[in-house]
Amino acid sequence: MVFILLFAIGHCIPIVIAGSSTAMVKSLLANNSWQQSGRVFKRLAGTLIALLGVYFIVQPFFSA
């Protein structure tokens, strides 16, 4: 019973936190500096994913 209770608490806490912080997230998304940071992050993440894709495509041709 204790493990079931801990499992339920562990799954519900993130949902409660996400639901109660909706207003804060809205205000952060409206902030211009956060939008600029988001664009930079998206570009860096896209570049990283593209480089990993090239690595995984090229790697079998050069492995011994």
Protein backbone atom coordinates (compact mmCIF):
# COMPACT_ATOMS: atom_id res chain seq x y z
CA MET A 1 0.00 0.00 0.00
CA VAL A 2 2.87 2.38 0.77
CA PHE A 3 4.44 1.81 -2.64
CA ILE A 4 1.12 2.42 -4.40
CA LEU A 5 0.65 5.62 -2.43
CA LEU A 6 4.19 6.82 -3.23
CA PHE A 7 3.67 5.94 -6.90
CA ALA A 8 0.43 7.94 -7.00
CA ILE A 9 2.01 10.93 -5.28
CA GLY A 10 4.99 10.85 -7.63
CA HIS A 11 2.73 10.88 -10.67
CA CYS A 12 0.32 13.55 -9.40
CA ILE A 13 2.80 16.14 -8.13
CA PRO A 14 4.10 17.12 -11.61
CA ILE A 15 0.53 17.47 -12.88
CA VAL A 16 -0.42 19.69 -9.94
CA ILE A 17 2.70 21.84 -10.37
CA ALA A 18 2.12 22.20 -14.12
CA GLY A 19 -1.51 23.12 -13.62
CA SER A 20 -0.85 25.65 -10.89
CA SER A 21 1.94 27.43 -12.77
CA THR A 22 0.02 28.15 -15.97
CA ALA A 23 -0.19 31.89 -15.31
CA MET A 24 3.55 32.11 -14.69
CA VAL A 25 4.29 30.28 -17.94
CA LYS A 26 1.98 32.63 -19.84
CA SER A 27 3.80 35.68 -18.49
CA LEU A 28 7.19 34.15 -19.32
CA LEU A 29 6.11 33.39 -22.87
CA ALA A 30 4.95 36.98 -23.32
CA ASN A 31 8.36 38.27 -22.23
CA ASN A 32 10.49 39.27 -25.24
CA SER A 33 13.81 38.09 -23.79
CA TRP A 34 12.40 34.60 -23.22
CA GLN A 35 11.18 34.52 -26.83
CA GLN A 36 14.67 35.41 -28.07
CA SER A 37 16.20 32.74 -25.85
CA GLY A 38 13.69 30.25 -27.22
CA ARG A 39 14.73 31.03 -30.79
CA VAL A 40 18.41 30.57 -29.94
CA PHE A 41 17.68 27.30 -28.16
CA LYS A 42 15.65 26.00 -31.12
CA ARG A 43 18.47 26.82 -33.53
CA LEU A 44 21.09 25.16 -31.33
CA ALA A 45 18.91 22.09 -30.82
CA GLY A 46 18.21 21.83 -34.55
CA THR A 47 21.89 22.11 -35.36
CA LEU A 48 22.76 19.46 -32.80
CA ILE A 49 20.09 17.09 -34.15
CA ALA A 50 21.31 17.63 -37.72
CA LEU A 51 24.92 16.95 -36.71
CA LEU A 52 23.91 13.79 -34.88
CA GLY A 53 21.95 12.68 -37.94
CA VAL A 54 24.97 13.19 -40.18
CA TYR A 55 27.16 11.34 -37.67
CA PHE A 56 24.85 8.32 -37.54
CA ILE A 57 24.55 8.20 -41.34
CA VAL A 58 28.30 8.53 -41.97
CA GLN A 59 29.52 6.37 -39.05
CA PRO A 60 28.81 2.93 -40.61
CA PHE A 61 30.88 3.81 -43.67
CA PHE A 62 34.00 4.59 -41.63
CA SER A 63 33.78 1.96 -38.87
CA ALA A 64 36.18 -0.95 -38.95
